[in-house]
Amino acid sequence: MSSTLGFPIDRRSALMLGGGAALAAVSATAAGAADATLQVELRGVIDEFTRRVHARDLAAIDLFDPVDCLLVGSAVDELCIGRDAIRAHLEGYYAMPLRIGFSWRRTLAGREGAGAAWLWSEGEVLLDGDDGKTSRSPYRLACLFARRDGAWRIRLFSGSEPTADG
């Protein structure tokens, strides 16, 4: 699955996600058969977020927890605490001549009780310029979710571009 957003600045600044590979250390056994449905549900939230961002739709913010949420980006100053800060961050991206998307190869998921869950995915970020040029880079995503009113909401959205040199 893929969508897109990007712009002509350095790659690290172009990504709105950063850090967060720490959840990769969580045991893969947490993503057992009982969590197969959970994995599909959480990936659905991320895929919907990506679809909305690709469409430059500010309704992407509705997928974040209304009480407490955080988006951590790759650039040093990309720390968005709360929906208002995330909305302003998205507006900045939407004004650029790019779209962002993801293509995932592997996803793990788990839960803590009925109200908290995590997701870790590995794949590629796709930066599609309005000029028709696309760049692809390795990418990892870690998210924490809270269950609110029967739906999973993103509380933490954090990604990274792994490099071969560490």
N, C-alpha and C. Protein backbone atom coordinates (compact mmCIF):
# COMPACT_ATOMS: atom_id res chain seq x y z
N MET A 1 0.85 -1.17 0.00
CA MET A 1 0.00 0.00 0.00
C MET A 1 0.89 1.23 0.00
N SER A 2 0.50 2.21 -0.77
CA SER A 2 1.32 3.41 -0.77
C SER A 2 0.50 4.63 -1.10
N SER A 3 1.01 5.76 -0.62
CA SER A 3 0.48 7.08 -0.89
C SER A 3 1.71 7.99 -0.94
N THR A 4 1.50 9.36 -0.98
CA THR A 4 2.69 10.19 -1.08
C THR A 4 2.55 11.65 -0.64
N LEU A 5 3.70 12.33 -0.33
CA LEU A 5 3.87 13.77 -0.03
C LEU A 5 5.36 14.03 0.10
N GLY A 6 5.90 15.08 -0.39
CA GLY A 6 7.33 15.37 -0.28
C GLY A 6 7.61 16.77 -0.75
N PHE A 7 8.88 17.20 -0.74
CA PHE A 7 9.23 18.53 -1.18
C PHE A 7 10.73 18.68 -1.34
N PRO A 8 11.18 19.71 -2.10
CA PRO A 8 12.59 19.86 -2.43
C PRO A 8 13.42 20.49 -1.31
N ILE A 9 13.54 19.80 -0.19
CA ILE A 9 14.45 20.20 0.86
C ILE A 9 15.17 18.93 1.26
N ASP A 10 16.12 19.02 2.18
CA ASP A 10 16.86 17.80 2.49
C ASP A 10 15.91 16.72 3.01
N ARG A 11 16.27 15.47 2.74
CA ARG A 11 15.42 14.31 3.02
C ARG A 11 14.98 14.27 4.48
N ARG A 12 15.89 14.51 5.41
CA ARG A 12 15.53 14.44 6.82
C ARG A 12 14.45 15.46 7.16
N SER A 13 14.56 16.65 6.62
CA SER A 13 13.55 17.67 6.89
C SER A 13 12.25 17.34 6.20
N ALA A 14 12.31 16.61 5.10
CA ALA A 14 11.11 16.27 4.35
C ALA A 14 10.23 15.28 5.09
N LEU A 15 10.78 14.50 5.97
CA LEU A 15 10.01 13.48 6.67
C LEU A 15 9.39 14.04 7.93
N MET A 16 8.13 13.74 8.14
CA MET A 16 7.49 14.27 9.32
C MET A 16 7.52 13.30 10.48
N LEU A 17 8.29 12.24 10.35
CA LEU A 17 8.37 11.24 11.40
C LEU A 17 9.82 11.01 11.74
N GLY A 18 10.14 10.63 12.95
CA GLY A 18 11.53 10.38 13.28
C GLY A 18 11.67 9.56 14.54
N GLY A 19 12.87 9.03 14.78
CA GLY A 19 13.14 8.24 15.96
C GLY A 19 12.23 7.05 16.06
N GLY A 20 12.15 6.40 17.19
CA GLY A 20 11.10 5.46 17.48
C GLY A 20 11.30 4.01 17.13
N ALA A 21 12.51 3.56 16.85
CA ALA A 21 12.68 2.15 16.56
C ALA A 21 12.74 1.32 17.84
N ALA A 22 12.61 1.98 18.98
CA ALA A 22 12.73 1.27 20.25
C ALA A 22 11.71 0.15 20.40
N LEU A 23 10.53 0.32 19.85
CA LEU A 23 9.52 -0.73 19.99
C LEU A 23 9.87 -1.97 19.19
N ALA A 24 10.84 -1.88 18.30
CA ALA A 24 11.25 -3.05 17.53
C ALA A 24 11.81 -4.13 18.43
N ALA A 25 12.27 -3.74 19.61
CA ALA A 25 12.83 -4.71 20.54
C ALA A 25 11.75 -5.53 21.24
N VAL A 26 10.50 -5.13 21.11
CA VAL A 26 9.41 -5.87 21.74
C VAL A 26 9.30 -7.24 21.08
N SER A 27 9.10 -8.24 21.87
CA SER A 27 9.05 -9.61 21.37
C SER A 27 8.03 -9.81 20.26
N ALA A 28 8.47 -10.45 19.19
CA ALA A 28 7.58 -10.73 18.06
C ALA A 28 6.46 -11.69 18.46
N THR A 29 6.63 -12.39 19.57
CA THR A 29 5.56 -13.30 20.00
C THR A 29 4.32 -12.53 20.41
N ALA A 30 4.46 -11.23 20.70
CA ALA A 30 3.30 -10.42 21.06
C ALA A 30 2.36 -10.27 19.88
N ALA A 31 2.84 -10.54 18.69
CA ALA A 31 2.01 -10.42 17.49
C ALA A 31 1.52 -11.79 17.06
N GLY A 32 1.06 -12.57 18.01
CA GLY A 32 0.57 -13.92 17.74
C GLY A 32 -0.78 -13.92 17.05
N ALA A 33 -1.36 -15.09 16.96
CA ALA A 33 -2.63 -15.26 16.25
C ALA A 33 -3.74 -14.37 16.81
N ALA A 34 -3.76 -14.21 18.14
CA ALA A 34 -4.81 -13.40 18.75
C ALA A 34 -4.69 -11.94 18.34
N ASP A 35 -3.48 -11.51 17.96
CA ASP A 35 -3.28 -10.12 17.58
C ASP A 35 -3.32 -9.90 16.07
N ALA A 36 -3.64 -10.93 15.30
CA ALA A 36 -3.73 -10.75 13.85
C ALA A 36 -4.80 -9.72 13.49
N THR A 37 -5.93 -9.80 14.16
CA THR A 37 -6.99 -8.83 13.92
C THR A 37 -6.56 -7.45 14.37
N LEU A 38 -5.89 -7.37 15.51
CA LEU A 38 -5.38 -6.10 16.01
C LEU A 38 -4.43 -5.47 15.00
N GLN A 39 -3.53 -6.27 14.46
CA GLN A 39 -2.57 -5.76 13.48
C GLN A 39 -3.29 -5.16 12.27
N VAL A 40 -4.32 -5.84 11.80
CA VAL A 40 -5.10 -5.34 10.66
C VAL A 40 -5.78 -4.02 11.04
N GLU A 41 -6.35 -3.96 12.25
CA GLU A 41 -7.02 -2.74 12.70
C GLU A 41 -6.05 -1.56 12.78
N LEU A 42 -4.89 -1.78 13.39
CA LEU A 42 -3.92 -0.69 13.56
C LEU A 42 -3.32 -0.26 12.23
N ARG A 43 -3.01 -1.24 11.38
CA ARG A 43 -2.52 -0.88 10.04
C ARG A 43 -3.58 -0.09 9.27
N GLY A 44 -4.83 -0.43 9.50
CA GLY A 44 -5.91 0.31 8.87
C GLY A 44 -5.90 1.78 9.27
N VAL A 45 -5.62 2.06 10.54
CA VAL A 45 -5.54 3.45 11.01
C VAL A 45 -4.38 4.16 10.31
N ILE A 46 -3.22 3.50 10.26
CA ILE A 46 -2.04 4.11 9.63
C ILE A 46 -2.27 4.28 8.13
N ASP A 47 -2.87 3.31 7.49
CA ASP A 47 -3.15 3.43 6.06
C ASP A 47 -4.15 4.55 5.78
N GLU A 48 -5.13 4.72 6.66
CA GLU A 48 -6.08 5.81 6.50
C GLU A 48 -5.39 7.16 6.73
N PHE A 49 -4.52 7.24 7.73
CA PHE A 49 -3.75 8.46 7.96
C PHE A 49 -2.94 8.80 6.71
N THR A 50 -2.27 7.81 6.15
CA THR A 50 -1.46 8.03 4.95
C THR A 50 -2.33 8.49 3.78
N ARG A 51 -3.49 7.87 3.62
CA ARG A 51 -4.40 8.27 2.54
C ARG A 51 -4.81 9.73 2.69
N ARG A 52 -5.15 10.11 3.91
CA ARG A 52 -5.58 11.48 4.15
C ARG A 52 -4.44 12.48 3.94
N VAL A 53 -3.25 12.13 4.42
CA VAL A 53 -2.10 13.02 4.22
C VAL A 53 -1.81 13.15 2.73
N HIS A 54 -1.85 12.03 2.02
CA HIS A 54 -1.61 12.07 0.58
C HIS A 54 -2.60 12.99 -0.11
N ALA A 55 -3.84 12.99 0.35
CA ALA A 55 -4.89 13.83 -0.23
C ALA A 55 -4.85 15.27 0.31
N ARG A 56 -3.87 15.54 1.17
CA ARG A 56 -3.75 16.86 1.82
C ARG A 56 -5.02 17.22 2.57
N ASP A 57 -5.56 16.23 3.25
CA ASP A 57 -6.81 16.36 3.98
C ASP A 57 -6.52 16.58 5.46
N LEU A 58 -6.93 17.73 6.00
CA LEU A 58 -6.68 18.01 7.41
C LEU A 58 -7.47 17.09 8.34
N ALA A 59 -8.40 16.32 7.81
CA ALA A 59 -9.11 15.34 8.63
C ALA A 59 -8.16 14.24 9.12
N ALA A 60 -6.91 14.22 8.64
CA ALA A 60 -5.92 13.27 9.15
C ALA A 60 -5.75 13.45 10.66
N ILE A 61 -5.95 14.65 11.14
CA ILE A 61 -5.79 14.94 12.57
C ILE A 61 -6.83 14.18 13.40
N ASP A 62 -7.97 13.85 12.81
CA ASP A 62 -9.03 13.14 13.54
C ASP A 62 -8.60 11.74 13.97
N LEU A 63 -7.55 11.21 13.39
CA LEU A 63 -7.06 9.87 13.74
C LEU A 63 -6.16 9.89 14.98
N PHE A 64 -5.82 11.09 15.44
CA PHE A 64 -5.00 11.23 16.65
C PHE A 64 -5.89 11.33 17.88
N ASP A 65 -5.37 10.87 19.00
CA ASP A 65 -6.09 10.91 20.25
C ASP A 65 -6.43 12.35 20.62
N PRO A 66 -7.70 12.64 20.95
CA PRO A 66 -8.08 14.01 21.27
C PRO A 66 -7.57 14.48 22.63
N VAL A 67 -7.19 13.56 23.49
CA VAL A 67 -6.74 13.91 24.84
C VAL A 67 -5.25 14.18 24.89
N ASP A 68 -4.46 13.31 24.26
CA ASP A 68 -3.02 13.39 24.40
C ASP A 68 -2.37 12.73 23.20
N CYS A 69 -1.59 13.48 22.41
CA CYS A 69 -0.94 12.89 21.25
C CYS A 69 0.36 13.62 20.93
N LEU A 70 1.23 12.92 20.21
CA LEU A 70 2.56 13.41 19.91
C LEU A 70 3.00 12.88 18.56
N LEU A 71 3.54 13.76 17.72
CA LEU A 71 4.15 13.36 16.46
C LEU A 71 5.60 13.80 16.53
N VAL A 72 6.52 12.84 16.34
CA VAL A 72 7.95 13.13 16.39
C VAL A 72 8.49 12.98 14.98
N GLY A 73 9.13 14.03 14.48
CA GLY A 73 9.67 14.02 13.13
C GLY A 73 11.16 13.79 13.11
N SER A 74 11.70 13.65 11.91
CA SER A 74 13.12 13.38 11.72
C SER A 74 13.99 14.58 12.02
N ALA A 75 13.52 15.77 11.73
CA ALA A 75 14.30 16.97 11.99
C ALA A 75 14.27 17.31 13.48
N VAL A 76 15.30 17.97 13.95
CA VAL A 76 15.42 18.30 15.37
C VAL A 76 14.21 19.08 15.88
N ASP A 77 13.68 19.98 15.08
CA ASP A 77 12.56 20.81 15.53
C ASP A 77 11.19 20.20 15.25
N GLU A 78 11.13 18.99 14.78
CA GLU A 78 9.84 18.35 14.49
C GLU A 78 9.35 17.55 15.69
N LEU A 79 8.82 18.30 16.64
CA LEU A 79 8.20 17.72 17.83
C LEU A 79 6.85 18.41 17.98
N CYS A 80 5.81 17.68 17.71
CA CYS A 80 4.46 18.25 17.71
C CYS A 80 3.68 17.62 18.85
N ILE A 81 3.38 18.42 19.84
CA ILE A 81 2.65 17.96 21.02
C ILE A 81 1.22 18.46 20.95
N GLY A 82 0.29 17.55 20.82
CA GLY A 82 -1.12 17.90 20.75
C GLY A 82 -1.62 18.09 19.33
N ARG A 83 -2.93 18.01 19.20
CA ARG A 83 -3.56 18.09 17.87
C ARG A 83 -3.31 19.42 17.17
N ASP A 84 -3.32 20.53 17.89
CA ASP A 84 -3.11 21.82 17.25
C ASP A 84 -1.73 21.90 16.62
N ALA A 85 -0.70 21.43 17.32
CA ALA A 85 0.66 21.44 16.79
C ALA A 85 0.78 20.48 15.60
N ILE A 86 0.13 19.33 15.67
CA ILE A 86 0.18 18.37 14.56
C ILE A 86 -0.55 18.96 13.35
N ARG A 87 -1.68 19.61 13.58
CA ARG A 87 -2.42 20.24 12.49
C ARG A 87 -1.55 21.30 11.79
N ALA A 88 -0.88 22.15 12.56
CA ALA A 88 0.00 23.17 11.99
C ALA A 88 1.13 22.53 11.19
N HIS A 89 1.65 21.44 11.71
CA HIS A 89 2.72 20.70 11.02
C HIS A 89 2.23 20.17 9.68
N LEU A 90 1.06 19.57 9.68
CA LEU A 90 0.49 19.04 8.44
C LEU A 90 0.21 20.17 7.44
N GLU A 91 -0.30 21.28 7.92
CA GLU A 91 -0.56 22.41 7.02
C GLU A 91 0.72 22.84 6.30
N GLY A 92 1.85 22.82 7.02
CA GLY A 92 3.14 23.15 6.41
C GLY A 92 3.50 22.18 5.30
N TYR A 93 3.26 20.89 5.53
CA TYR A 93 3.54 19.89 4.49
C TYR A 93 2.60 20.02 3.31
N TYR A 94 1.34 20.29 3.58
CA TYR A 94 0.36 20.39 2.52
C TYR A 94 0.65 21.55 1.57
N ALA A 95 1.36 22.56 2.06
CA ALA A 95 1.71 23.72 1.23
C ALA A 95 2.89 23.43 0.30
N MET A 96 3.57 22.32 0.49
CA MET A 96 4.74 21.97 -0.30
C MET A 96 4.35 21.16 -1.54
N PRO A 97 5.19 21.17 -2.56
CA PRO A 97 4.87 20.47 -3.82
C PRO A 97 5.19 18.97 -3.78
N LEU A 98 4.84 18.31 -2.70
CA LEU A 98 5.09 16.87 -2.55
C LEU A 98 3.96 16.20 -1.79
N ARG A 99 3.99 14.89 -1.86
CA ARG A 99 3.09 14.05 -1.06
C ARG A 99 3.93 12.92 -0.48
N ILE A 100 3.49 12.42 0.67
CA ILE A 100 4.25 11.36 1.33
C ILE A 100 3.40 10.10 1.41
N GLY A 101 4.05 8.96 1.30
CA GLY A 101 3.36 7.68 1.41
C GLY A 101 4.30 6.62 1.95
N PHE A 102 3.77 5.47 2.17
CA PHE A 102 4.55 4.37 2.73
C PHE A 102 4.19 3.07 2.04
N SER A 103 5.15 2.20 1.98
CA SER A 103 4.96 0.83 1.50
C SER A 103 5.58 -0.07 2.57
N TRP A 104 4.76 -0.88 3.23
CA TRP A 104 5.23 -1.67 4.36
C TRP A 104 5.51 -3.11 3.96
N ARG A 105 6.62 -3.67 4.44
CA ARG A 105 6.98 -5.06 4.22
C ARG A 105 6.67 -5.93 5.43
N ARG A 106 6.82 -5.37 6.61
CA ARG A 106 6.65 -6.16 7.83
C ARG A 106 6.01 -5.29 8.91
N THR A 107 5.07 -5.87 9.63
CA THR A 107 4.39 -5.16 10.71
C THR A 107 4.23 -6.09 11.90
N LEU A 108 4.49 -5.57 13.09
CA LEU A 108 4.25 -6.26 14.35
C LEU A 108 3.27 -5.41 15.15
N ALA A 109 2.46 -6.05 15.97
CA ALA A 109 1.51 -5.31 16.79
C ALA A 109 1.25 -6.07 18.07
N GLY A 110 0.84 -5.35 19.08
CA GLY A 110 0.49 -5.96 20.35
C GLY A 110 -0.39 -5.02 21.15
N ARG A 111 -0.88 -5.52 22.27
CA ARG A 111 -1.78 -4.70 23.09
C ARG A 111 -1.47 -4.90 24.56
N GLU A 112 -1.93 -3.93 25.32
CA GLU A 112 -1.88 -3.98 26.78
C GLU A 112 -3.30 -3.77 27.25
N GLY A 113 -3.96 -4.84 27.62
CA GLY A 113 -5.35 -4.74 28.01
C GLY A 113 -6.22 -4.39 26.82
N ALA A 114 -7.38 -3.81 27.10
CA ALA A 114 -8.31 -3.48 26.02
C ALA A 114 -8.12 -2.06 25.48
N GLY A 115 -7.34 -1.22 26.19
CA GLY A 115 -7.29 0.18 25.83
C GLY A 115 -6.00 0.73 25.28
N ALA A 116 -4.95 -0.09 25.17
CA ALA A 116 -3.67 0.40 24.66
C ALA A 116 -3.06 -0.63 23.71
N ALA A 117 -2.44 -0.14 22.67
CA ALA A 117 -1.82 -1.04 21.68
C ALA A 117 -0.62 -0.34 21.05
N TRP A 118 0.24 -1.14 20.42
CA TRP A 118 1.41 -0.61 19.71
C TRP A 118 1.51 -1.27 18.35
N LEU A 119 2.20 -0.58 17.46
CA LEU A 119 2.46 -1.09 16.12
C LEU A 119 3.87 -0.69 15.73
N TRP A 120 4.58 -1.58 15.09
CA TRP A 120 5.90 -1.30 14.52
C TRP A 120 5.87 -1.82 13.09
N SER A 121 6.27 -0.98 12.13
CA SER A 121 6.31 -1.39 10.73
C SER A 121 7.64 -1.01 10.11
N GLU A 122 8.03 -1.81 9.14
CA GLU A 122 9.27 -1.57 8.41
C GLU A 122 8.96 -1.63 6.93
N GLY A 123 9.47 -0.68 6.19
CA GLY A 123 9.23 -0.64 4.75
C GLY A 123 9.96 0.52 4.12
N GLU A 124 9.22 1.29 3.33
CA GLU A 124 9.81 2.44 2.65
C GLU A 124 8.89 3.65 2.76
N VAL A 125 9.51 4.82 2.82
CA VAL A 125 8.77 6.06 2.68
C VAL A 125 8.89 6.46 1.21
N LEU A 126 7.79 6.92 0.65
CA LEU A 126 7.74 7.34 -0.75
C LEU A 126 7.50 8.84 -0.78
N LEU A 127 8.41 9.56 -1.38
CA LEU A 127 8.26 11.01 -1.52
C LEU A 127 7.99 11.29 -2.99
N ASP A 128 6.74 11.59 -3.29
CA ASP A 128 6.32 11.86 -4.66
C ASP A 128 6.18 13.36 -4.86
N GLY A 129 7.03 13.90 -5.74
CA GLY A 129 6.95 15.32 -6.05
C GLY A 129 5.83 15.60 -7.03
N ASP A 130 5.29 16.80 -6.96
CA ASP A 130 4.28 17.20 -7.92
C ASP A 130 4.85 17.25 -9.33
N ASP A 131 6.20 17.22 -9.44
CA ASP A 131 6.86 17.19 -10.75
C ASP A 131 6.93 15.78 -11.33
N GLY A 132 6.36 14.79 -10.62
CA GLY A 132 6.34 13.42 -11.11
C GLY A 132 7.51 12.56 -10.66
N LYS A 133 8.48 13.14 -9.97
CA LYS A 133 9.63 12.38 -9.49
C LYS A 133 9.33 11.78 -8.12
N THR A 134 9.76 10.52 -7.94
CA THR A 134 9.54 9.82 -6.68
C THR A 134 10.87 9.34 -6.13
N SER A 135 11.05 9.50 -4.83
CA SER A 135 12.21 8.90 -4.17
C SER A 135 11.71 7.94 -3.10
N ARG A 136 12.48 6.89 -2.87
CA ARG A 136 12.13 5.85 -1.90
C ARG A 136 13.30 5.70 -0.95
N SER A 137 12.99 5.53 0.34
CA SER A 137 14.02 5.33 1.35
C SER A 137 13.53 4.31 2.37
N PRO A 138 14.44 3.54 2.96
CA PRO A 138 14.03 2.63 4.04
C PRO A 138 13.38 3.44 5.16
N TYR A 139 12.38 2.84 5.80
CA TYR A 139 11.65 3.57 6.83
C TYR A 139 11.11 2.61 7.89
N ARG A 140 11.08 3.08 9.12
CA ARG A 140 10.48 2.34 10.23
C ARG A 140 9.52 3.26 10.96
N LEU A 141 8.44 2.69 11.44
CA LEU A 141 7.41 3.44 12.14
C LEU A 141 7.06 2.73 13.43
N ALA A 142 6.95 3.50 14.51
CA ALA A 142 6.47 2.98 15.79
C ALA A 142 5.32 3.88 16.24
N CYS A 143 4.22 3.26 16.60
CA CYS A 143 3.05 4.01 17.06
C CYS A 143 2.50 3.40 18.34
N LEU A 144 1.96 4.26 19.18
CA LEU A 144 1.17 3.83 20.33
C LEU A 144 -0.25 4.31 20.08
N PHE A 145 -1.21 3.49 20.47
CA PHE A 145 -2.62 3.79 20.25
C PHE A 145 -3.40 3.70 21.55
N ALA A 146 -4.46 4.48 21.65
CA ALA A 146 -5.43 4.39 22.75
C ALA A 146 -6.79 4.09 22.14
N ARG A 147 -7.56 3.28 22.82
CA ARG A 147 -8.92 2.96 22.36
C ARG A 147 -9.86 4.03 22.91
N ARG A 148 -10.53 4.78 22.04
CA ARG A 148 -11.45 5.84 22.44
C ARG A 148 -12.76 5.68 21.68
N ASP A 149 -13.84 5.59 22.39
CA ASP A 149 -15.16 5.51 21.77
C ASP A 149 -15.23 4.43 20.69
N GLY A 150 -14.62 3.28 20.99
CA GLY A 150 -14.69 2.13 20.08
C GLY A 150 -13.72 2.16 18.91
N ALA A 151 -12.83 3.16 18.86
CA ALA A 151 -11.88 3.26 17.74
C ALA A 151 -10.46 3.46 18.28
N TRP A 152 -9.49 2.96 17.53
CA TRP A 152 -8.08 3.17 17.88
C TRP A 152 -7.68 4.57 17.43
N ARG A 153 -7.07 5.33 18.34
CA ARG A 153 -6.56 6.67 18.06
C ARG A 153 -5.06 6.70 18.31
N ILE A 154 -4.35 7.41 17.47
CA ILE A 154 -2.89 7.50 17.58
C ILE A 154 -2.52 8.42 18.74
N ARG A 155 -1.69 7.93 19.65
CA ARG A 155 -1.17 8.76 20.74
C ARG A 155 0.27 9.16 20.44
N LEU A 156 1.04 8.25 19.86
CA LEU A 156 2.43 8.55 19.49
C LEU A 156 2.66 8.04 18.08
N PHE A 157 3.19 8.90 17.23
CA PHE A 157 3.51 8.57 15.84
C PHE A 157 4.96 8.97 15.64
N SER A 158 5.84 7.97 15.52
CA SER A 158 7.27 8.23 15.47
C SER A 158 7.93 7.31 14.45
N GLY A 159 8.75 7.87 13.58
CA GLY A 159 9.40 7.07 12.56
C GLY A 159 10.87 7.39 12.42
N SER A 160 11.55 6.60 11.63
CA SER A 160 12.98 6.80 11.40
C SER A 160 13.39 6.27 10.05
N GLU A 161 14.46 6.84 9.53
CA GLU A 161 15.10 6.35 8.31
C GLU A 161 16.36 5.62 8.73
N PRO A 162 16.35 4.30 8.78
CA PRO A 162 17.55 3.58 9.16
C PRO A 162 18.65 3.77 8.12
N THR A 163 19.88 3.83 8.61
CA THR A 163 21.02 3.96 7.71
C THR A 163 21.94 2.76 7.87
N ALA A 164 22.70 2.47 6.82
CA ALA A 164 23.61 1.33 6.84
C ALA A 164 24.76 1.55 7.82
N ASP A 165 25.10 2.79 8.10
CA ASP A 165 26.24 3.07 8.97
C ASP A 165 25.86 3.27 10.42
N GLY A 166 24.66 2.88 10.79
CA GLY A 166 24.29 2.89 12.18
C GLY A 166 23.28 3.88 12.52
